[in-house]
Amino acid sequence: MEAIIRTAELKDVDRILEIINHEIKYTTVVYDYNERTYAQQKLWFDQKQLSKMPVIVAELDGMVVGYGSYGIFRPWDAYRYSVEHSIYVDAAYRQAGIGKKMLEKLIAMATEGGYHTMIAGIDASNEKSIAFHKKMGFLEVGTLKEAGYKFDKWLDLTFLQLFL
């Protein structure tokens, strides 16, 4: 069965929380230390709704297996045409084209929304994600050395950019 990409609903917040907390706890995909609570994730979801920024989910056989979103890159007026996106796929469902479908949807939404560029900030050790983004047309534009610290090591953050 093929994944359905749809707009996230409040009922999806529990599953979104499970997915992000796995990444926080076990990976450097997210530079957070502490798992989020339901209240924190719901606040994030509510803020996305209020700012009219999308949250999408990938659903497979009735279960949310991934989610994605974007928001304005930085909180100053001149950045209002630049968005930074995030996509997370449950580890059990990777390599099935779900991330690609979600990113294609986010790119289409950002293009329709009149945004000029989409940015990805990716841990430099995540070679698969960097290669995936390049395959999707993103260009590597720079790396911030030792921008984060997690799991007792310094982390480099690579930025990629797609003009819409």
N, C-alpha and C. Protein backbone atom coordinates (compact mmCIF):
# COMPACT_ATOMS: atom_id res chain seq x y z
N MET A 1 0.83 -1.18 0.00
CA MET A 1 0.00 0.00 0.00
C MET A 1 0.88 1.25 0.00
N GLU A 2 0.44 2.28 -0.68
CA GLU A 2 1.21 3.52 -0.78
C GLU A 2 0.78 4.51 0.30
N ALA A 3 1.75 5.26 0.80
CA ALA A 3 1.48 6.25 1.84
C ALA A 3 0.61 7.37 1.30
N ILE A 4 -0.29 7.84 2.13
CA ILE A 4 -1.14 8.99 1.83
C ILE A 4 -0.52 10.19 2.54
N ILE A 5 -0.32 11.28 1.81
CA ILE A 5 0.18 12.51 2.41
C ILE A 5 -1.02 13.43 2.60
N ARG A 6 -1.21 13.88 3.84
CA ARG A 6 -2.38 14.72 4.14
C ARG A 6 -2.00 15.76 5.18
N THR A 7 -2.87 16.74 5.33
CA THR A 7 -2.70 17.74 6.37
C THR A 7 -2.86 17.09 7.73
N ALA A 8 -1.97 17.42 8.65
CA ALA A 8 -2.04 16.87 10.00
C ALA A 8 -3.25 17.43 10.74
N GLU A 9 -3.77 16.62 11.62
CA GLU A 9 -4.89 17.01 12.48
C GLU A 9 -4.46 16.85 13.93
N LEU A 10 -5.24 17.42 14.82
CA LEU A 10 -4.92 17.35 16.25
C LEU A 10 -4.73 15.89 16.70
N LYS A 11 -5.50 14.98 16.15
CA LYS A 11 -5.40 13.56 16.55
C LYS A 11 -4.03 12.96 16.21
N ASP A 12 -3.27 13.62 15.32
CA ASP A 12 -1.96 13.12 14.91
C ASP A 12 -0.83 13.54 15.84
N VAL A 13 -1.09 14.46 16.75
CA VAL A 13 -0.03 15.00 17.59
C VAL A 13 0.63 13.91 18.43
N ASP A 14 -0.13 12.94 18.94
CA ASP A 14 0.46 11.85 19.72
C ASP A 14 1.52 11.10 18.91
N ARG A 15 1.19 10.77 17.69
CA ARG A 15 2.13 10.00 16.86
C ARG A 15 3.31 10.87 16.42
N ILE A 16 3.06 12.14 16.11
CA ILE A 16 4.15 13.08 15.80
C ILE A 16 5.12 13.13 16.98
N LEU A 17 4.57 13.18 18.18
CA LEU A 17 5.38 13.23 19.40
C LEU A 17 6.25 11.98 19.52
N GLU A 18 5.69 10.82 19.25
CA GLU A 18 6.48 9.57 19.31
C GLU A 18 7.64 9.63 18.33
N ILE A 19 7.38 10.09 17.12
CA ILE A 19 8.41 10.12 16.09
C ILE A 19 9.52 11.09 16.47
N ILE A 20 9.18 12.31 16.89
CA ILE A 20 10.21 13.30 17.22
C ILE A 20 10.98 12.89 18.47
N ASN A 21 10.31 12.30 19.44
CA ASN A 21 11.01 11.89 20.65
C ASN A 21 12.01 10.78 20.40
N HIS A 22 11.72 9.90 19.47
CA HIS A 22 12.69 8.87 19.08
C HIS A 22 13.94 9.54 18.53
N GLU A 23 13.76 10.53 17.67
CA GLU A 23 14.90 11.23 17.06
C GLU A 23 15.70 12.00 18.11
N ILE A 24 15.01 12.64 19.05
CA ILE A 24 15.70 13.38 20.11
C ILE A 24 16.53 12.43 20.97
N LYS A 25 15.94 11.31 21.33
CA LYS A 25 16.59 10.38 22.24
C LYS A 25 17.77 9.62 21.63
N TYR A 26 17.66 9.27 20.34
CA TYR A 26 18.64 8.35 19.77
C TYR A 26 19.51 8.90 18.65
N THR A 27 19.21 10.10 18.13
CA THR A 27 19.95 10.57 16.96
C THR A 27 20.39 12.03 17.11
N THR A 28 21.17 12.47 16.15
CA THR A 28 21.55 13.88 16.07
C THR A 28 20.75 14.60 14.99
N VAL A 29 19.64 14.02 14.58
CA VAL A 29 18.76 14.66 13.60
C VAL A 29 18.17 15.94 14.20
N VAL A 30 17.90 15.90 15.50
CA VAL A 30 17.38 17.06 16.23
C VAL A 30 18.39 17.39 17.31
N TYR A 31 18.77 18.65 17.41
CA TYR A 31 19.76 19.07 18.40
C TYR A 31 19.10 19.42 19.73
N ASP A 32 18.15 18.63 20.16
CA ASP A 32 17.51 18.78 21.47
C ASP A 32 18.03 17.66 22.36
N TYR A 33 18.03 17.90 23.68
CA TYR A 33 18.43 16.88 24.64
C TYR A 33 17.24 16.16 25.27
N ASN A 34 16.19 16.91 25.52
CA ASN A 34 15.07 16.38 26.29
C ASN A 34 13.87 16.06 25.42
N GLU A 35 13.31 14.88 25.65
CA GLU A 35 12.11 14.50 24.94
C GLU A 35 11.01 15.51 25.24
N ARG A 36 10.13 15.70 24.30
CA ARG A 36 9.04 16.67 24.45
C ARG A 36 7.84 16.02 25.12
N THR A 37 7.05 16.86 25.75
CA THR A 37 5.80 16.41 26.34
C THR A 37 4.68 16.62 25.32
N TYR A 38 3.55 16.02 25.60
CA TYR A 38 2.40 16.24 24.73
C TYR A 38 2.05 17.72 24.69
N ALA A 39 2.09 18.39 25.83
CA ALA A 39 1.74 19.82 25.88
C ALA A 39 2.68 20.65 25.01
N GLN A 40 3.98 20.33 25.02
CA GLN A 40 4.94 21.06 24.18
C GLN A 40 4.66 20.81 22.69
N GLN A 41 4.37 19.56 22.34
CA GLN A 41 4.14 19.24 20.93
C GLN A 41 2.83 19.84 20.46
N LYS A 42 1.83 19.86 21.30
CA LYS A 42 0.56 20.47 20.94
C LYS A 42 0.72 21.97 20.76
N LEU A 43 1.52 22.61 21.61
CA LEU A 43 1.79 24.04 21.47
C LEU A 43 2.48 24.32 20.13
N TRP A 44 3.45 23.47 19.76
CA TRP A 44 4.11 23.59 18.46
C TRP A 44 3.08 23.49 17.33
N PHE A 45 2.21 22.50 17.43
CA PHE A 45 1.17 22.29 16.42
C PHE A 45 0.24 23.50 16.35
N ASP A 46 -0.19 23.99 17.50
CA ASP A 46 -1.08 25.16 17.54
C ASP A 46 -0.40 26.40 16.95
N GLN A 47 0.88 26.58 17.23
CA GLN A 47 1.61 27.74 16.70
C GLN A 47 1.74 27.64 15.18
N LYS A 48 1.93 26.44 14.67
CA LYS A 48 1.97 26.26 13.21
C LYS A 48 0.63 26.65 12.60
N GLN A 49 -0.44 26.23 13.25
CA GLN A 49 -1.78 26.57 12.76
C GLN A 49 -2.01 28.08 12.76
N LEU A 50 -1.65 28.74 13.86
CA LEU A 50 -1.84 30.19 13.99
C LEU A 50 -1.02 30.97 12.96
N SER A 51 0.18 30.49 12.67
CA SER A 51 1.05 31.19 11.72
C SER A 51 0.81 30.74 10.27
N LYS A 52 -0.19 29.88 10.10
CA LYS A 52 -0.55 29.37 8.77
C LYS A 52 0.61 28.66 8.07
N MET A 53 1.38 27.94 8.86
CA MET A 53 2.46 27.12 8.34
C MET A 53 2.00 25.66 8.33
N PRO A 54 2.31 24.94 7.27
CA PRO A 54 1.78 23.58 7.14
C PRO A 54 2.43 22.56 8.05
N VAL A 55 1.63 21.60 8.44
CA VAL A 55 2.12 20.36 9.06
C VAL A 55 1.42 19.26 8.27
N ILE A 56 2.22 18.39 7.70
CA ILE A 56 1.66 17.27 6.93
C ILE A 56 2.10 15.97 7.58
N VAL A 57 1.33 14.92 7.31
CA VAL A 57 1.70 13.59 7.78
C VAL A 57 1.64 12.61 6.62
N ALA A 58 2.42 11.55 6.77
CA ALA A 58 2.35 10.42 5.86
C ALA A 58 1.65 9.31 6.63
N GLU A 59 0.58 8.80 6.03
CA GLU A 59 -0.22 7.76 6.68
C GLU A 59 -0.15 6.50 5.83
N LEU A 60 0.10 5.39 6.49
CA LEU A 60 0.19 4.10 5.82
C LEU A 60 -0.65 3.11 6.60
N ASP A 61 -1.63 2.52 5.93
CA ASP A 61 -2.54 1.57 6.58
C ASP A 61 -3.15 2.17 7.85
N GLY A 62 -3.52 3.44 7.79
CA GLY A 62 -4.19 4.09 8.92
C GLY A 62 -3.27 4.58 10.02
N MET A 63 -1.95 4.40 9.86
CA MET A 63 -1.01 4.83 10.90
C MET A 63 -0.10 5.93 10.37
N VAL A 64 0.12 6.97 11.17
CA VAL A 64 1.05 8.03 10.80
C VAL A 64 2.46 7.49 10.94
N VAL A 65 3.22 7.53 9.83
CA VAL A 65 4.58 7.00 9.82
C VAL A 65 5.62 8.08 9.57
N GLY A 66 5.17 9.31 9.39
CA GLY A 66 6.09 10.42 9.21
C GLY A 66 5.34 11.73 9.22
N TYR A 67 6.11 12.80 9.39
CA TYR A 67 5.50 14.12 9.32
C TYR A 67 6.52 15.14 8.83
N GLY A 68 6.01 16.25 8.36
CA GLY A 68 6.87 17.32 7.88
C GLY A 68 6.21 18.66 8.05
N SER A 69 7.02 19.69 8.01
CA SER A 69 6.52 21.05 8.17
C SER A 69 7.56 22.02 7.65
N TYR A 70 7.17 23.27 7.54
CA TYR A 70 8.15 24.33 7.35
C TYR A 70 7.67 25.58 8.06
N GLY A 71 8.62 26.50 8.23
CA GLY A 71 8.33 27.78 8.86
C GLY A 71 9.30 28.81 8.34
N ILE A 72 9.03 30.05 8.61
CA ILE A 72 9.91 31.13 8.17
C ILE A 72 11.30 30.88 8.75
N PHE A 73 12.32 31.05 7.90
CA PHE A 73 13.70 30.72 8.25
C PHE A 73 14.19 31.44 9.51
N ARG A 74 13.98 32.74 9.58
CA ARG A 74 14.38 33.52 10.74
C ARG A 74 13.30 34.56 11.01
N PRO A 75 13.17 35.02 12.24
CA PRO A 75 12.00 35.84 12.62
C PRO A 75 12.07 37.33 12.30
N TRP A 76 12.73 37.71 11.21
CA TRP A 76 12.76 39.13 10.83
C TRP A 76 12.12 39.30 9.46
N ASP A 77 11.56 40.47 9.23
CA ASP A 77 10.75 40.73 8.03
C ASP A 77 11.41 40.31 6.72
N ALA A 78 12.66 40.59 6.55
CA ALA A 78 13.32 40.34 5.27
C ALA A 78 13.43 38.84 4.93
N TYR A 79 13.22 37.98 5.93
CA TYR A 79 13.28 36.53 5.70
C TYR A 79 11.92 35.93 5.33
N ARG A 80 10.91 36.75 5.17
CA ARG A 80 9.55 36.22 5.01
C ARG A 80 9.34 35.39 3.75
N TYR A 81 10.29 35.40 2.83
CA TYR A 81 10.18 34.59 1.60
C TYR A 81 11.05 33.33 1.65
N SER A 82 11.70 33.11 2.79
CA SER A 82 12.57 31.96 2.97
C SER A 82 12.00 31.05 4.06
N VAL A 83 11.85 29.77 3.74
CA VAL A 83 11.35 28.81 4.72
C VAL A 83 12.36 27.71 4.97
N GLU A 84 12.36 27.21 6.18
CA GLU A 84 13.18 26.06 6.53
C GLU A 84 12.24 24.90 6.84
N HIS A 85 12.53 23.75 6.29
CA HIS A 85 11.64 22.61 6.47
C HIS A 85 12.27 21.53 7.34
N SER A 86 11.40 20.65 7.82
CA SER A 86 11.81 19.47 8.56
C SER A 86 10.92 18.32 8.13
N ILE A 87 11.53 17.16 7.99
CA ILE A 87 10.79 15.94 7.67
C ILE A 87 11.33 14.82 8.56
N TYR A 88 10.42 14.08 9.16
CA TYR A 88 10.80 12.96 10.01
C TYR A 88 9.98 11.74 9.61
N VAL A 89 10.67 10.62 9.39
CA VAL A 89 9.99 9.37 9.04
C VAL A 89 10.37 8.33 10.10
N ASP A 90 9.37 7.63 10.61
CA ASP A 90 9.60 6.55 11.56
C ASP A 90 10.66 5.62 10.99
N ALA A 91 11.61 5.25 11.84
CA ALA A 91 12.75 4.43 11.40
C ALA A 91 12.33 3.15 10.69
N ALA A 92 11.21 2.57 11.07
CA ALA A 92 10.74 1.32 10.47
C ALA A 92 10.22 1.50 9.05
N TYR A 93 10.03 2.75 8.61
CA TYR A 93 9.42 3.01 7.30
C TYR A 93 10.33 3.80 6.36
N ARG A 94 11.60 3.92 6.71
CA ARG A 94 12.52 4.65 5.85
C ARG A 94 12.86 3.83 4.61
N GLN A 95 13.36 4.50 3.61
CA GLN A 95 13.75 3.89 2.33
C GLN A 95 12.55 3.38 1.54
N ALA A 96 11.36 3.90 1.83
CA ALA A 96 10.16 3.47 1.11
C ALA A 96 9.58 4.60 0.26
N GLY A 97 10.31 5.70 0.13
CA GLY A 97 9.84 6.82 -0.68
C GLY A 97 8.91 7.78 0.05
N ILE A 98 8.71 7.57 1.34
CA ILE A 98 7.79 8.41 2.11
C ILE A 98 8.36 9.82 2.29
N GLY A 99 9.63 9.92 2.61
CA GLY A 99 10.27 11.23 2.76
C GLY A 99 10.21 12.02 1.47
N LYS A 100 10.41 11.34 0.35
CA LYS A 100 10.36 12.00 -0.95
C LYS A 100 8.97 12.57 -1.21
N LYS A 101 7.96 11.78 -0.94
CA LYS A 101 6.58 12.25 -1.16
C LYS A 101 6.26 13.45 -0.27
N MET A 102 6.72 13.41 0.97
CA MET A 102 6.46 14.53 1.88
C MET A 102 7.21 15.78 1.43
N LEU A 103 8.47 15.62 1.04
CA LEU A 103 9.24 16.79 0.61
C LEU A 103 8.66 17.37 -0.67
N GLU A 104 8.25 16.52 -1.60
CA GLU A 104 7.61 17.03 -2.82
C GLU A 104 6.36 17.84 -2.48
N LYS A 105 5.58 17.37 -1.51
CA LYS A 105 4.38 18.09 -1.10
C LYS A 105 4.73 19.43 -0.46
N LEU A 106 5.73 19.44 0.42
CA LEU A 106 6.14 20.69 1.06
C LEU A 106 6.68 21.69 0.04
N ILE A 107 7.45 21.21 -0.93
CA ILE A 107 7.98 22.09 -1.97
C ILE A 107 6.84 22.70 -2.77
N ALA A 108 5.87 21.87 -3.13
CA ALA A 108 4.70 22.37 -3.89
C ALA A 108 3.93 23.41 -3.07
N MET A 109 3.73 23.14 -1.78
CA MET A 109 3.00 24.07 -0.92
C MET A 109 3.75 25.40 -0.79
N ALA A 110 5.06 25.32 -0.62
CA ALA A 110 5.87 26.54 -0.47
C ALA A 110 5.87 27.34 -1.77
N THR A 111 5.93 26.65 -2.89
CA THR A 111 5.90 27.32 -4.18
C THR A 111 4.56 28.02 -4.36
N GLU A 112 3.48 27.30 -4.10
CA GLU A 112 2.13 27.89 -4.20
C GLU A 112 1.94 29.04 -3.22
N GLY A 113 2.64 28.98 -2.09
CA GLY A 113 2.53 30.02 -1.08
C GLY A 113 3.35 31.27 -1.40
N GLY A 114 4.08 31.24 -2.50
CA GLY A 114 4.84 32.41 -2.92
C GLY A 114 6.20 32.56 -2.26
N TYR A 115 6.70 31.49 -1.64
CA TYR A 115 8.03 31.57 -1.04
C TYR A 115 9.10 31.47 -2.12
N HIS A 116 10.27 32.01 -1.83
CA HIS A 116 11.35 32.09 -2.82
C HIS A 116 12.36 30.95 -2.68
N THR A 117 12.63 30.54 -1.45
CA THR A 117 13.65 29.53 -1.24
C THR A 117 13.30 28.66 -0.04
N MET A 118 13.73 27.40 -0.10
CA MET A 118 13.54 26.45 1.00
C MET A 118 14.92 26.02 1.47
N ILE A 119 15.09 25.99 2.78
CA ILE A 119 16.38 25.70 3.40
C ILE A 119 16.26 24.43 4.24
N ALA A 120 17.33 23.65 4.23
CA ALA A 120 17.42 22.46 5.08
C ALA A 120 18.67 22.60 5.93
N GLY A 121 18.53 22.44 7.23
CA GLY A 121 19.68 22.37 8.14
C GLY A 121 19.81 20.93 8.59
N ILE A 122 20.93 20.29 8.23
CA ILE A 122 21.09 18.85 8.45
C ILE A 122 22.42 18.59 9.16
N ASP A 123 22.38 17.72 10.16
CA ASP A 123 23.62 17.33 10.82
C ASP A 123 24.58 16.79 9.76
N ALA A 124 25.79 17.31 9.74
CA ALA A 124 26.75 16.98 8.69
C ALA A 124 27.09 15.49 8.61
N SER A 125 26.90 14.76 9.69
CA SER A 125 27.19 13.33 9.66
C SER A 125 26.05 12.53 9.03
N ASN A 126 24.92 13.18 8.76
CA ASN A 126 23.76 12.50 8.18
C ASN A 126 23.88 12.50 6.65
N GLU A 127 24.80 11.69 6.16
CA GLU A 127 25.10 11.65 4.72
C GLU A 127 23.89 11.24 3.89
N LYS A 128 23.06 10.36 4.40
CA LYS A 128 21.88 9.93 3.64
C LYS A 128 20.91 11.09 3.42
N SER A 129 20.68 11.89 4.44
CA SER A 129 19.77 13.02 4.30
C SER A 129 20.34 14.08 3.37
N ILE A 130 21.63 14.32 3.46
CA ILE A 130 22.27 15.29 2.56
C ILE A 130 22.16 14.80 1.12
N ALA A 131 22.46 13.54 0.88
CA ALA A 131 22.36 12.98 -0.48
C ALA A 131 20.92 13.03 -0.98
N PHE A 132 19.97 12.72 -0.11
CA PHE A 132 18.55 12.77 -0.47
C PHE A 132 18.17 14.18 -0.91
N HIS A 133 18.56 15.18 -0.14
CA HIS A 133 18.22 16.56 -0.49
C HIS A 133 18.87 16.98 -1.81
N LYS A 134 20.10 16.58 -2.02
CA LYS A 134 20.77 16.91 -3.29
C LYS A 134 20.03 16.25 -4.46
N LYS A 135 19.57 15.04 -4.27
CA LYS A 135 18.79 14.34 -5.30
C LYS A 135 17.49 15.08 -5.61
N MET A 136 16.97 15.78 -4.61
CA MET A 136 15.73 16.53 -4.77
C MET A 136 15.98 17.95 -5.29
N GLY A 137 17.22 18.26 -5.63
CA GLY A 137 17.54 19.55 -6.24
C GLY A 137 18.14 20.58 -5.31
N PHE A 138 18.32 20.26 -4.05
CA PHE A 138 18.92 21.20 -3.11
C PHE A 138 20.43 21.28 -3.37
N LEU A 139 20.98 22.45 -3.15
CA LEU A 139 22.42 22.67 -3.28
C LEU A 139 23.02 22.90 -1.90
N GLU A 140 24.17 22.30 -1.65
CA GLU A 140 24.85 22.52 -0.39
C GLU A 140 25.46 23.92 -0.42
N VAL A 141 25.16 24.72 0.60
CA VAL A 141 25.61 26.11 0.60
C VAL A 141 26.56 26.45 1.75
N GLY A 142 26.77 25.54 2.67
CA GLY A 142 27.72 25.81 3.73
C GLY A 142 27.54 24.93 4.94
N THR A 143 28.57 24.91 5.78
CA THR A 143 28.54 24.13 7.00
C THR A 143 29.04 24.98 8.16
N LEU A 144 28.27 24.98 9.23
CA LEU A 144 28.68 25.63 10.46
C LEU A 144 29.39 24.57 11.31
N LYS A 145 30.66 24.78 11.55
CA LYS A 145 31.45 23.81 12.32
C LYS A 145 31.13 23.91 13.80
N GLU A 146 30.99 22.76 14.42
CA GLU A 146 30.77 22.65 15.86
C GLU A 146 29.66 23.58 16.35
N ALA A 147 28.55 23.59 15.62
CA ALA A 147 27.42 24.45 15.96
C ALA A 147 26.55 23.86 17.06
N GLY A 148 26.64 22.55 17.26
CA GLY A 148 25.86 21.88 18.28
C GLY A 148 26.71 20.92 19.08
N TYR A 149 26.18 20.51 20.23
CA TYR A 149 26.89 19.55 21.09
C TYR A 149 25.87 18.57 21.63
N LYS A 150 26.04 17.30 21.31
CA LYS A 150 25.12 16.27 21.77
C LYS A 150 25.85 14.93 21.80
N PHE A 151 25.48 14.08 22.71
CA PHE A 151 26.10 12.76 22.87
C PHE A 151 27.62 12.87 23.04
N ASP A 152 28.04 13.88 23.80
CA ASP A 152 29.46 14.08 24.14
C ASP A 152 30.35 14.36 22.93
N LYS A 153 29.78 15.00 21.92
CA LYS A 153 30.62 15.38 20.76
C LYS A 153 30.07 16.64 20.11
N TRP A 154 30.96 17.36 19.45
CA TRP A 154 30.58 18.55 18.69
C TRP A 154 29.98 18.13 17.37
N LEU A 155 28.95 18.87 16.94
CA LEU A 155 28.22 18.54 15.72
C LEU A 155 28.31 19.69 14.72
N ASP A 156 28.55 19.34 13.48
CA ASP A 156 28.57 20.31 12.39
C ASP A 156 27.20 20.33 11.73
N LEU A 157 26.74 21.51 11.34
CA LEU A 157 25.42 21.68 10.74
C LEU A 157 25.58 22.15 9.29
N THR A 158 25.13 21.33 8.36
CA THR A 158 25.22 21.64 6.94
C THR A 158 23.89 22.23 6.46
N PHE A 159 24.00 23.30 5.68
CA PHE A 159 22.82 23.94 5.11
C PHE A 159 22.73 23.64 3.61
N LEU A 160 21.52 23.32 3.17
CA LEU A 160 21.24 23.12 1.77
C LEU A 160 20.08 24.03 1.40
N GLN A 161 20.00 24.41 0.13
CA GLN A 161 19.00 25.39 -0.29
C GLN A 161 18.44 25.01 -1.66
N LEU A 162 17.14 25.23 -1.79
CA LEU A 162 16.43 25.01 -3.05
C LEU A 162 15.69 26.29 -3.41
N PHE A 163 15.95 26.82 -4.61
CA PHE A 163 15.17 27.96 -5.08
C PHE A 163 13.89 27.44 -5.67
N LEU A 164 12.79 28.01 -5.25
CA LEU A 164 11.46 27.51 -5.65
C LEU A 164 11.00 28.12 -6.96
